[in-house]
PDB file of N, CA and C in Angstrom:
ATOM      1  N   MET A   1      40.652  67.776 -93.732  1.00  0.00           N
ATOM      2  CA  MET A   1      39.338  68.135 -93.281  1.00  0.00           C
ATOM      3  C   MET A   1      38.923  67.197 -92.167  1.00  0.00           C
ATOM      4  N   ASP A   2      38.306  67.714 -91.141  1.00  0.00           N
ATOM      5  CA  ASP A   2      37.854  66.919 -90.016  1.00  0.00           C
ATOM      6  C   ASP A   2      36.526  66.269 -90.371  1.00  0.00           C
ATOM      7  N   THR A   3      36.533  64.958 -90.630  1.00  0.00           N
ATOM      8  CA  THR A   3      35.303  64.274 -91.016  1.00  0.00           C
ATOM      9  C   THR A   3      34.452  63.901 -89.818  1.00  0.00           C
ATOM     10  N   ALA A   4      34.926  64.123 -88.614  1.00  0.00           N
ATOM     11  CA  ALA A   4      34.156  63.791 -87.429  1.00  0.00           C
ATOM     12  C   ALA A   4      33.397  64.998 -86.901  1.00  0.00           C
ATOM     13  N   ARG A   5      33.093  65.937 -87.749  1.00  0.00           N
ATOM     14  CA  ARG A   5      32.380  67.139 -87.365  1.00  0.00           C
ATOM     15  C   ARG A   5      30.971  66.754 -86.921  1.00  0.00           C
ATOM     16  N   SER A   6      30.515  67.270 -85.802  1.00  0.00           N
ATOM     17  CA  SER A   6      29.177  66.934 -85.333  1.00  0.00           C
ATOM     18  C   SER A   6      28.216  68.069 -85.623  1.00  0.00           C
ATOM     19  N   SER A   7      26.942  67.751 -85.682  1.00  0.00           N
ATOM     20  CA  SER A   7      25.907  68.759 -85.899  1.00  0.00           C
ATOM     21  C   SER A   7      25.595  69.425 -84.578  1.00  0.00           C
ATOM     22  N   PRO A   8      25.043  70.604 -84.577  1.00  0.00           N
ATOM     23  CA  PRO A   8      24.824  71.384 -85.790  1.00  0.00           C
ATOM     24  C   PRO A   8      26.108  72.027 -86.282  1.00  0.00           C
ATOM     25  N   THR A   9      26.262  72.051 -87.578  1.00  0.00           N
ATOM     26  CA  THR A   9      27.404  72.696 -88.211  1.00  0.00           C
ATOM     27  C   THR A   9      27.160  74.196 -88.197  1.00  0.00           C
ATOM     28  N   PRO A  10      28.157  74.999 -87.845  1.00  0.00           N
ATOM     29  CA  PRO A  10      27.963  76.445 -87.889  1.00  0.00           C
ATOM     30  C   PRO A  10      27.549  76.884 -89.286  1.00  0.00           C
ATOM     31  N   GLU A  11      26.602  77.788 -89.349  1.00  0.00           N
ATOM     32  CA  GLU A  11      26.139  78.272 -90.647  1.00  0.00           C
ATOM     33  C   GLU A  11      26.974  79.467 -91.098  1.00  0.00           C
ATOM     34  N   TYR A  12      27.244  79.533 -92.363  1.00  0.00           N
ATOM     35  CA  TYR A  12      27.980  80.609 -92.988  1.00  0.00           C
ATOM     36  C   TYR A  12      27.117  81.183 -94.093  1.00  0.00           C
ATOM     37  N   PRO A  13      27.487  82.304 -94.683  1.00  0.00           N
ATOM     38  CA  PRO A  13      26.634  82.965 -95.666  1.00  0.00           C
ATOM     39  C   PRO A  13      26.151  82.081 -96.809  1.00  0.00           C
ATOM     40  N   ASN A  14      26.910  81.085 -97.221  1.00  0.00           N
ATOM     41  CA  ASN A  14      26.464  80.252 -98.338  1.00  0.00           C
ATOM     42  C   ASN A  14      25.453  79.200 -97.903  1.00  0.00           C
ATOM     43  N   GLY A  15      25.161  79.108 -96.606  1.00  0.00           N
ATOM     44  CA  GLY A  15      24.151  78.197 -96.111  1.00  0.00           C
ATOM     45  C   GLY A  15      24.594  76.745 -96.046  1.00  0.00           C
ATOM     46  N   ARG A  16      25.831  76.439 -96.417  1.00  0.00           N
ATOM     47  CA  ARG A  16      26.304  75.058 -96.447  1.00  0.00           C
ATOM     48  C   ARG A  16      27.316  74.775 -95.352  1.00  0.00           C
ATOM     49  N   GLY A  17      27.522  75.679 -94.445  1.00  0.00           N
ATOM     50  CA  GLY A  17      28.607  75.493 -93.490  1.00  0.00           C
ATOM     51  C   GLY A  17      29.860  76.097 -94.078  1.00  0.00           C
ATOM     52  N   LEU A  18      30.999  75.547 -93.769  1.00  0.00           N
ATOM     53  CA  LEU A  18      32.251  76.073 -94.322  1.00  0.00           C
ATOM     54  C   LEU A  18      32.225  76.031 -95.833  1.00  0.00           C
ATOM     55  N   ASP A  19      32.728  77.071 -96.470  1.00  0.00           N
ATOM     56  CA  ASP A  19      32.772  77.106 -97.930  1.00  0.00           C
ATOM     57  C   ASP A  19      33.814  76.110 -98.396  1.00  0.00           C
ATOM     58  N   SER A  20      33.340  75.044 -98.999  1.00  0.00           N
ATOM     59  CA  SER A  20      34.254  73.984 -99.415  1.00  0.00           C
ATOM     60  C   SER A  20      34.266  73.814-100.922  1.00  0.00           C
ATOM     61  N   SER A  21      33.804  74.821-101.664  1.00  0.00           N
ATOM     62  CA  SER A  21      33.850  74.732-103.119  1.00  0.00           C
ATOM     63  C   SER A  21      35.295  74.651-103.562  1.00  0.00           C
ATOM     64  N   PRO A  22      35.605  73.720-104.441  1.00  0.00           N
ATOM     65  CA  PRO A  22      36.991  73.551-104.872  1.00  0.00           C
ATOM     66  C   PRO A  22      37.492  74.720-105.712  1.00  0.00           C
ATOM     67  N   LEU A  23      38.788  74.887-105.701  1.00  0.00           N
ATOM     68  CA  LEU A  23      39.439  75.901-106.519  1.00  0.00           C
ATOM     69  C   LEU A  23      40.265  75.219-107.589  1.00  0.00           C
ATOM     70  N   GLU A  24      40.324  75.834-108.756  1.00  0.00           N
ATOM     71  CA  GLU A  24      41.179  75.324-109.828  1.00  0.00           C
ATOM     72  C   GLU A  24      41.773  76.520-110.544  1.00  0.00           C
ATOM     73  N   GLY A  25      43.084  76.583-110.576  1.00  0.00           N
ATOM     74  CA  GLY A  25      43.740  77.705-111.224  1.00  0.00           C
ATOM     75  C   GLY A  25      43.356  79.035-110.601  1.00  0.00           C
ATOM     76  N   GLY A  26      43.085  79.036-109.290  1.00  0.00           N
ATOM     77  CA  GLY A  26      42.721  80.260-108.601  1.00  0.00           C
ATOM     78  C   GLY A  26      41.266  80.654-108.744  1.00  0.00           C
ATOM     79  N   ARG A  27      40.482  79.884-109.502  1.00  0.00           N
ATOM     80  CA  ARG A  27      39.061  80.214-109.643  1.00  0.00           C
ATOM     81  C   ARG A  27      38.216  79.128-108.989  1.00  0.00           C
ATOM     82  N   GLN A  28      37.071  79.556-108.489  1.00  0.00           N
ATOM     83  CA  GLN A  28      36.181  78.621-107.818  1.00  0.00           C
ATOM     84  C   GLN A  28      35.409  77.793-108.845  1.00  0.00           C
ATOM     85  N   ILE A  29      35.305  76.494-108.601  1.00  0.00           N
ATOM     86  CA  ILE A  29      34.552  75.593-109.470  1.00  0.00           C
ATOM     87  C   ILE A  29      33.136  75.494-108.920  1.00  0.00           C
ATOM     88  N   ALA A  30      32.151  75.638-109.779  1.00  0.00           N
ATOM     89  CA  ALA A  30      30.757  75.566-109.349  1.00  0.00           C
ATOM     90  C   ALA A  30      30.395  74.141-108.950  1.00  0.00           C
ATOM     91  N   THR A  31      29.818  74.009-107.773  1.00  0.00           N
ATOM     92  CA  THR A  31      29.349  72.704-107.318  1.00  0.00           C
ATOM     93  C   THR A  31      27.831  72.726-107.227  1.00  0.00           C
ATOM     94  N   LYS A  32      27.250  71.542-107.299  1.00  0.00           N
ATOM     95  CA  LYS A  32      25.806  71.371-107.181  1.00  0.00           C
ATOM     96  C   LYS A  32      25.556  70.407-106.039  1.00  0.00           C
ATOM     97  N   THR A  33      24.306  70.311-105.610  1.00  0.00           N
ATOM     98  CA  THR A  33      23.935  69.305-104.627  1.00  0.00           C
ATOM     99  C   THR A  33      22.670  68.595-105.085  1.00  0.00           C
ATOM    100  N   VAL A  34      22.557  67.339-104.672  1.00  0.00           N
ATOM    101  CA  VAL A  34      21.357  66.551-104.917  1.00  0.00           C
ATOM    102  C   VAL A  34      21.032  65.829-103.610  1.00  0.00           C
ATOM    103  N   ARG A  35      19.750  65.749-103.293  1.00  0.00           N
ATOM    104  CA  ARG A  35      19.309  65.047-102.083  1.00  0.00           C
ATOM    105  C   ARG A  35      19.247  63.557-102.388  1.00  0.00           C
ATOM    106  N   ALA A  36      20.001  62.758-101.657  1.00  0.00           N
ATOM    107  CA  ALA A  36      20.022  61.309-101.864  1.00  0.00           C
ATOM    108  C   ALA A  36      20.332  60.624-100.539  1.00  0.00           C
ATOM    109  N   ASN A  37      19.597  59.585-100.231  1.00  0.00           N
ATOM    110  CA  ASN A  37      19.823  58.809 -99.017  1.00  0.00           C
ATOM    111  C   ASN A  37      19.795  59.683 -97.763  1.00  0.00           C
ATOM    112  N   GLY A  38      18.966  60.712 -97.758  1.00  0.00           N
ATOM    113  CA  GLY A  38      18.784  61.559 -96.586  1.00  0.00           C
ATOM    114  C   GLY A  38      19.807  62.651 -96.384  1.00  0.00           C
ATOM    115  N   ILE A  39      20.741  62.832 -97.315  1.00  0.00           N
ATOM    116  CA  ILE A  39      21.731  63.906 -97.198  1.00  0.00           C
ATOM    117  C   ILE A  39      21.835  64.660 -98.521  1.00  0.00           C
ATOM    118  N   ASP A  40      22.399  65.860 -98.464  1.00  0.00           N
ATOM    119  CA  ASP A  40      22.662  66.645 -99.672  1.00  0.00           C
ATOM    120  C   ASP A  40      24.076  66.322-100.135  1.00  0.00           C
ATOM    121  N   ILE A  41      24.172  65.645-101.269  1.00  0.00           N
ATOM    122  CA  ILE A  41      25.463  65.223-101.805  1.00  0.00           C
ATOM    123  C   ILE A  41      25.979  66.282-102.768  1.00  0.00           C
ATOM    124  N   SER A  42      27.191  66.745-102.519  1.00  0.00           N
ATOM    125  CA  SER A  42      27.832  67.755-103.356  1.00  0.00           C
ATOM    126  C   SER A  42      28.556  67.077-104.516  1.00  0.00           C
ATOM    127  N   TYR A  43      28.444  67.695-105.690  1.00  0.00           N
ATOM    128  CA  TYR A  43      29.119  67.138-106.861  1.00  0.00           C
ATOM    129  C   TYR A  43      29.405  68.240-107.868  1.00  0.00           C
ATOM    130  N   THR A  44      30.296  67.940-108.787  1.00  0.00           N
ATOM    131  CA  THR A  44      30.674  68.840-109.868  1.00  0.00           C
ATOM    132  C   THR A  44      30.478  68.089-111.173  1.00  0.00           C
ATOM    133  N   VAL A  45      30.014  68.795-112.201  1.00  0.00           N
ATOM    134  CA  VAL A  45      29.808  68.184-113.520  1.00  0.00           C
ATOM    135  C   VAL A  45      30.687  68.906-114.523  1.00  0.00           C
ATOM    136  N   GLU A  46      31.384  68.135-115.364  1.00  0.00           N
ATOM    137  CA  GLU A  46      32.247  68.695-116.409  1.00  0.00           C
ATOM    138  C   GLU A  46      32.176  67.816-117.641  1.00  0.00           C
ATOM    139  N   GLY A  47      32.416  68.407-118.791  1.00  0.00           N
ATOM    140  CA  GLY A  47      32.575  67.650-120.024  1.00  0.00           C
ATOM    141  C   GLY A  47      31.269  67.277-120.693  1.00  0.00           C
ATOM    142  N   ALA A  48      31.397  66.487-121.756  1.00  0.00           N
ATOM    143  CA  ALA A  48      30.247  66.037-122.538  1.00  0.00           C
ATOM    144  C   ALA A  48      30.509  64.607-122.985  1.00  0.00           C
ATOM    145  N   GLY A  49      29.451  63.874-123.188  1.00  0.00           N
ATOM    146  CA  GLY A  49      29.568  62.486-123.611  1.00  0.00           C
ATOM    147  C   GLY A  49      28.871  61.575-122.629  1.00  0.00           C
ATOM    148  N   PRO A  50      29.173  60.284-122.682  1.00  0.00           N
ATOM    149  CA  PRO A  50      28.555  59.342-121.750  1.00  0.00           C
ATOM    150  C   PRO A  50      28.936  59.685-120.311  1.00  0.00           C
ATOM    151  N   PRO A  51      28.039  59.430-119.354  1.00  0.00           N
ATOM    152  CA  PRO A  51      28.350  59.763-117.959  1.00  0.00           C
ATOM    153  C   PRO A  51      29.436  58.870-117.376  1.00  0.00           C
ATOM    154  N   LEU A  52      30.284  59.484-116.564  1.00  0.00           N
ATOM    155  CA  LEU A  52      31.319  58.769-115.824  1.00  0.00           C
ATOM    156  C   LEU A  52      31.318  59.327-114.403  1.00  0.00           C
ATOM    157  N   VAL A  53      30.914  58.501-113.444  1.00  0.00           N
ATOM    158  CA  VAL A  53      30.881  58.913-112.043  1.00  0.00           C
ATOM    159  C   VAL A  53      32.250  58.632-111.441  1.00  0.00           C
ATOM    160  N   MET A  54      32.844  59.665-110.836  1.00  0.00           N
ATOM    161  CA  MET A  54      34.195  59.555-110.288  1.00  0.00           C
ATOM    162  C   MET A  54      34.151  59.778-108.780  1.00  0.00           C
ATOM    163  N   LEU A  55      34.712  58.830-108.049  1.00  0.00           N
ATOM    164  CA  LEU A  55      34.738  58.869-106.593  1.00  0.00           C
ATOM    165  C   LEU A  55      36.139  59.221-106.112  1.00  0.00           C
ATOM    166  N   HIS A  56      36.253  59.586-104.864  1.00  0.00           N
ATOM    167  CA  HIS A  56      37.553  59.980-104.310  1.00  0.00           C
ATOM    168  C   HIS A  56      37.958  59.067-103.172  1.00  0.00           C
ATOM    169  N   GLY A  57      39.190  59.226-102.733  1.00  0.00           N
ATOM    170  CA  GLY A  57      39.696  58.477-101.591  1.00  0.00           C
ATOM    171  C   GLY A  57      39.347  59.171-100.283  1.00  0.00           C
ATOM    172  N   ALA A  58      39.809  58.605 -99.191  1.00  0.00           N
ATOM    173  CA  ALA A  58      39.530  59.148 -97.865  1.00  0.00           C
ATOM    174  C   ALA A  58      40.158  60.524 -97.692  1.00  0.00           C
ATOM    175  N   THR A  59      39.459  61.369 -96.986  1.00  0.00           N
ATOM    176  CA  THR A  59      39.877  62.728 -96.605  1.00  0.00           C
ATOM    177  C   THR A  59      40.213  63.621 -97.787  1.00  0.00           C
ATOM    178  N   SER A  60      39.551  63.441 -98.890  1.00  0.00           N
ATOM    179  CA  SER A  60      39.829  64.245-100.078  1.00  0.00           C
ATOM    180  C   SER A  60      38.516  64.651-100.733  1.00  0.00           C
ATOM    181  N   SER A  61      38.590  65.017-102.001  1.00  0.00           N
ATOM    182  CA  SER A  61      37.406  65.306-102.811  1.00  0.00           C
ATOM    183  C   SER A  61      37.660  64.764-104.208  1.00  0.00           C
ATOM    184  N   ALA A  62      36.592  64.552-104.956  1.00  0.00           N
ATOM    185  CA  ALA A  62      36.747  64.013-106.310  1.00  0.00           C
ATOM    186  C   ALA A  62      37.506  64.991-107.207  1.00  0.00           C
ATOM    187  N   VAL A  63      37.227  66.286-107.069  1.00  0.00           N
ATOM    188  CA  VAL A  63      37.923  67.283-107.893  1.00  0.00           C
ATOM    189  C   VAL A  63      39.423  67.231-107.626  1.00  0.00           C
ATOM    190  N   GLU A  64      39.813  67.111-106.360  1.00  0.00           N
ATOM    191  CA  GLU A  64      41.239  67.043-106.015  1.00  0.00           C
ATOM    192  C   GLU A  64      41.874  65.741-106.485  1.00  0.00           C
ATOM    193  N   ASP A  65      41.219  64.623-106.171  1.00  0.00           N
ATOM    194  CA  ASP A  65      41.816  63.321-106.488  1.00  0.00           C
ATOM    195  C   ASP A  65      41.989  63.089-107.985  1.00  0.00           C
ATOM    196  N   TRP A  66      41.110  63.636-108.787  1.00  0.00           N
ATOM    197  CA  TRP A  66      41.153  63.398-110.235  1.00  0.00           C
ATOM    198  C   TRP A  66      41.665  64.608-111.014  1.00  0.00           C
ATOM    199  N   SER A  67      42.337  65.540-110.354  1.00  0.00           N
ATOM    200  CA  SER A  67      42.756  66.780-111.024  1.00  0.00           C
ATOM    201  C   SER A  67      43.642  66.536-112.243  1.00  0.00           C
ATOM    202  N   ALA A  68      44.529  65.567-112.184  1.00  0.00           N
ATOM    203  CA  ALA A  68      45.429  65.311-113.322  1.00  0.00           C
ATOM    204  C   ALA A  68      44.708  64.659-114.499  1.00  0.00           C
ATOM    205  N   GLN A  69      43.698  63.848-114.231  1.00  0.00           N
ATOM    206  CA  GLN A  69      43.011  63.109-115.285  1.00  0.00           C
ATOM    207  C   GLN A  69      41.809  63.850-115.873  1.00  0.00           C
ATOM    208  N   ARG A  70      41.232  64.782-115.131  1.00  0.00           N
ATOM    209  CA  ARG A  70      40.009  65.456-115.573  1.00  0.00           C
ATOM    210  C   ARG A  70      40.126  66.116-116.939  1.00  0.00           C
ATOM    211  N   PRO A  71      41.195  66.839-117.260  1.00  0.00           N
ATOM    212  CA  PRO A  71      41.258  67.485-118.582  1.00  0.00           C
ATOM    213  C   PRO A  71      41.125  66.493-119.739  1.00  0.00           C
ATOM    214  N   LEU A  72      41.712  65.328-119.615  1.00  0.00           N
ATOM    215  CA  LEU A  72      41.605  64.316-120.659  1.00  0.00           C
ATOM    216  C   LEU A  72      40.230  63.645-120.639  1.00  0.00           C
ATOM    217  N   PHE A  73      39.776  63.234-119.472  1.00  0.00           N
ATOM    218  CA  PHE A  73      38.510  62.510-119.363  1.00  0.00           C
ATOM    219  C   PHE A  73      37.318  63.345-119.805  1.00  0.00           C
ATOM    220  N   ARG A  74      37.336  64.658-119.504  1.00  0.00           N
ATOM    221  CA  ARG A  74      36.167  65.475-119.851  1.00  0.00           C
ATOM    222  C   ARG A  74      36.041  65.720-121.354  1.00  0.00           C
ATOM    223  N   ARG A  75      37.064  65.367-122.124  1.00  0.00           N
ATOM    224  CA  ARG A  75      36.945  65.449-123.585  1.00  0.00           C
ATOM    225  C   ARG A  75      36.025  64.363-124.129  1.00  0.00           C
ATOM    226  N   ALA A  76      35.964  63.238-123.440  1.00  0.00           N
ATOM    227  CA  ALA A  76      35.201  62.085-123.927  1.00  0.00           C
ATOM    228  C   ALA A  76      33.985  61.745-123.067  1.00  0.00           C
ATOM    229  N   PHE A  77      33.929  62.267-121.836  1.00  0.00           N
ATOM    230  CA  PHE A  77      32.867  61.888-120.907  1.00  0.00           C
ATOM    231  C   PHE A  77      32.257  63.108-120.238  1.00  0.00           C
ATOM    232  N   ARG A  78      31.038  62.936-119.769  1.00  0.00           N
ATOM    233  CA  ARG A  78      30.426  63.904-118.858  1.00  0.00           C
ATOM    234  C   ARG A  78      30.767  63.400-117.464  1.00  0.00           C
ATOM    235  N   LEU A  79      31.659  64.096-116.787  1.00  0.00           N
ATOM    236  CA  LEU A  79      32.160  63.678-115.481  1.00  0.00           C
ATOM    237  C   LEU A  79      31.229  64.134-114.371  1.00  0.00           C
ATOM    238  N   TYR A  80      30.928  63.231-113.477  1.00  0.00           N
ATOM    239  CA  TYR A  80      30.197  63.534-112.252  1.00  0.00           C
ATOM    240  C   TYR A  80      31.165  63.253-111.111  1.00  0.00           C
ATOM    241  N   LEU A  81      31.718  64.315-110.545  1.00  0.00           N
ATOM    242  CA  LEU A  81      32.725  64.231-109.485  1.00  0.00           C
ATOM    243  C   LEU A  81      32.001  64.356-108.143  1.00  0.00           C
ATOM    244  N   VAL A  82      31.788  63.235-107.484  1.00  0.00           N
ATOM    245  CA  VAL A  82      30.926  63.144-106.309  1.00  0.00           C
ATOM    246  C   VAL A  82      31.755  63.176-105.024  1.00  0.00           C
ATOM    247  N   ASP A  83      31.309  63.992-104.064  1.00  0.00           N
ATOM    248  CA  ASP A  83      31.965  64.060-102.756  1.00  0.00           C
ATOM    249  C   ASP A  83      31.176  63.234-101.742  1.00  0.00           C
ATOM    250  N   ALA A  84      31.843  62.272-101.124  1.00  0.00           N
ATOM    251  CA  ALA A  84      31.213  61.397-100.137  1.00  0.00           C
ATOM    252  C   ALA A  84      30.828  62.174 -98.884  1.00  0.00           C
ATOM    253  N   ARG A  85      29.936  61.595 -98.120  1.00  0.00           N
ATOM    254  CA  ARG A  85      29.501  62.246 -96.870  1.00  0.00           C
ATOM    255  C   ARG A  85      30.706  62.573 -95.985  1.00  0.00           C
ATOM    256  N   GLY A  86      30.676  63.792 -95.437  1.00  0.00           N
ATOM    257  CA  GLY A  86      31.761  64.248 -94.583  1.00  0.00           C
ATOM    258  C   GLY A  86      32.981  64.754 -95.331  1.00  0.00           C
ATOM    259  N   HIS A  87      32.902  64.875 -96.646  1.00  0.00           N
ATOM    260  CA  HIS A  87      34.031  65.323 -97.462  1.00  0.00           C
ATOM    261  C   HIS A  87      33.600  66.507 -98.323  1.00  0.00           C
ATOM    262  N   ALA A  88      34.502  67.462 -98.464  1.00  0.00           N
ATOM    263  CA  ALA A  88      34.275  68.660 -99.295  1.00  0.00           C
ATOM    264  C   ALA A  88      32.918  69.265 -98.953  1.00  0.00           C
ATOM    265  N   GLY A  89      32.022  69.418 -99.936  1.00  0.00           N
ATOM    266  CA  GLY A  89      30.744  70.090 -99.700  1.00  0.00           C
ATOM    267  C   GLY A  89      29.620  69.210 -99.209  1.00  0.00           C
ATOM    268  N   THR A  90      29.862  67.930 -98.989  1.00  0.00           N
ATOM    269  CA  THR A  90      28.804  67.034 -98.516  1.00  0.00           C
ATOM    270  C   THR A  90      28.867  66.940 -96.999  1.00  0.00           C
ATOM    271  N   ARG A  91      27.855  67.522 -96.359  1.00  0.00           N
ATOM    272  CA  ARG A  91      27.823  67.526 -94.896  1.00  0.00           C
ATOM    273  C   ARG A  91      27.308  66.193 -94.370  1.00  0.00           C
ATOM    274  N   TRP A  92      27.622  65.938 -93.106  1.00  0.00           N
ATOM    275  CA  TRP A  92      27.222  64.691 -92.479  1.00  0.00           C
ATOM    276  C   TRP A  92      27.306  64.847 -90.979  1.00  0.00           C
ATOM    277  N   ASP A  93      26.402  64.210 -90.262  1.00  0.00           N
ATOM    278  CA  ASP A  93      26.386  64.245 -88.808  1.00  0.00           C
ATOM    279  C   ASP A  93      27.101  62.999 -88.293  1.00  0.00           C
ATOM    280  N   ALA A  94      28.162  63.186 -87.550  1.00  0.00           N
ATOM    281  CA  ALA A  94      28.952  62.061 -87.041  1.00  0.00           C
ATOM    282  C   ALA A  94      28.112  61.108 -86.201  1.00  0.00           C
ATOM    283  N   ALA A  95      27.059  61.602 -85.582  1.00  0.00           N
ATOM    284  CA  ALA A  95      26.192  60.749 -84.767  1.00  0.00           C
ATOM    285  C   ALA A  95      25.471  59.701 -85.612  1.00  0.00           C
ATOM    286  N   ASP A  96      25.364  59.942 -86.913  1.00  0.00           N
ATOM    287  CA  ASP A  96      24.706  58.980 -87.807  1.00  0.00           C
ATOM    288  C   ASP A  96      25.600  57.793 -88.138  1.00  0.00           C
ATOM    289  N   GLY A  97      26.860  57.874 -87.772  1.00  0.00           N
ATOM    290  CA  GLY A  97      27.797  56.800 -88.085  1.00  0.00           C
ATOM    291  C   GLY A  97      28.381  56.949 -89.479  1.00  0.00           C
ATOM    292  N   PHE A  98      29.207  55.966 -89.840  1.00  0.00           N
ATOM    293  CA  PHE A  98      29.886  56.016 -91.133  1.00  0.00           C
ATOM    294  C   PHE A  98      30.374  54.611 -91.451  1.00  0.00           C
ATOM    295  N   ASP A  99      29.833  54.011 -92.519  1.00  0.00           N
ATOM    296  CA  ASP A  99      30.302  52.693 -92.931  1.00  0.00           C
ATOM    297  C   ASP A  99      30.134  52.541 -94.439  1.00  0.00           C
ATOM    298  N   LYS A 100      30.687  51.473 -94.969  1.00  0.00           N
ATOM    299  CA  LYS A 100      30.673  51.294 -96.422  1.00  0.00           C
ATOM    300  C   LYS A 100      29.265  51.121 -96.967  1.00  0.00           C
ATOM    301  N   GLU A 101      28.345  50.538 -96.178  1.00  0.00           N
ATOM    302  CA  GLU A 101      26.969  50.390 -96.647  1.00  0.00           C
ATOM    303  C   GLU A 101      26.314  51.751 -96.862  1.00  0.00           C
ATOM    304  N   MET A 102      26.611  52.717 -95.991  1.00  0.00           N
ATOM    305  CA  MET A 102      26.080  54.075 -96.155  1.00  0.00           C
ATOM    306  C   MET A 102      26.623  54.708 -97.433  1.00  0.00           C
ATOM    307  N   LEU A 103      27.916  54.526 -97.677  1.00  0.00           N
ATOM    308  CA  LEU A 103      28.526  55.109 -98.871  1.00  0.00           C
ATOM    309  C   LEU A 103      27.924  54.511-100.142  1.00  0.00           C
ATOM    310  N   VAL A 104      27.674  53.205-100.133  1.00  0.00           N
ATOM    311  CA  VAL A 104      27.051  52.551-101.289  1.00  0.00           C
ATOM    312  C   VAL A 104      25.633  53.078-101.478  1.00  0.00           C
ATOM    313  N   ALA A 105      24.862  53.186-100.388  1.00  0.00           N
ATOM    314  CA  ALA A 105      23.498  53.708-100.479  1.00  0.00           C
ATOM    315  C   ALA A 105      23.495  55.156-100.976  1.00  0.00           C
ATOM    316  N   ASP A 106      24.460  55.956-100.529  1.00  0.00           N
ATOM    317  CA  ASP A 106      24.573  57.340-101.011  1.00  0.00           C
ATOM    318  C   ASP A 106      24.805  57.365-102.515  1.00  0.00           C
ATOM    319  N   LEU A 107      25.719  56.544-102.985  1.00  0.00           N
ATOM    320  CA  LEU A 107      26.044  56.517-104.410  1.00  0.00           C
ATOM    321  C   LEU A 107      24.862  56.015-105.235  1.00  0.00           C
ATOM    322  N   LEU A 108      24.193  54.969-104.773  1.00  0.00           N
ATOM    323  CA  LEU A 108      23.012  54.470-105.491  1.00  0.00           C
ATOM    324  C   LEU A 108      21.924  55.535-105.555  1.00  0.00           C
ATOM    325  N   GLY A 109      21.734  56.270-104.459  1.00  0.00           N
ATOM    326  CA  GLY A 109      20.769  57.368-104.459  1.00  0.00           C
ATOM    327  C   GLY A 109      21.175  58.475-105.410  1.00  0.00           C
ATOM    328  N   PHE A 110      22.461  58.750-105.485  1.00  0.00           N
ATOM    329  CA  PHE A 110      22.960  59.793-106.384  1.00  0.00           C
ATOM    330  C   PHE A 110      22.697  59.441-107.843  1.00  0.00           C
ATOM    331  N   VAL A 111      23.027  58.226-108.250  1.00  0.00           N
ATOM    332  CA  VAL A 111      22.892  57.863-109.665  1.00  0.00           C
ATOM    333  C   VAL A 111      21.447  57.602-110.064  1.00  0.00           C
ATOM    334  N   ASP A 112      20.573  57.415-109.087  1.00  0.00           N
ATOM    335  CA  ASP A 112      19.163  57.173-109.371  1.00  0.00           C
ATOM    336  C   ASP A 112      18.547  58.412-109.872  1.00  0.00           C
TER     337      ASP A 112
END
């Protein structure tokens, strides 16, 4: 995925730009968004139990990065699979920049 996408992002029928909802076993996984730190952060929730926030690596998504572990983890935890700005369903304007402080602020806003 090109994380250097600049605004305005072309609009598509789902209103989020390119449809970036993850697929699993050929079916689409429902994603949600929450407004935090000035952006709409995309995330997926699975399982039951104490919350466990799961982050992903560069150029990926939490659903993809944790695909092997999710079936086991969701038995014991309520998983919050969060997509960082510019990844999967979380849009971002390249003109705003990108640094670790922004990512930390995004995550703190998400868990708040």
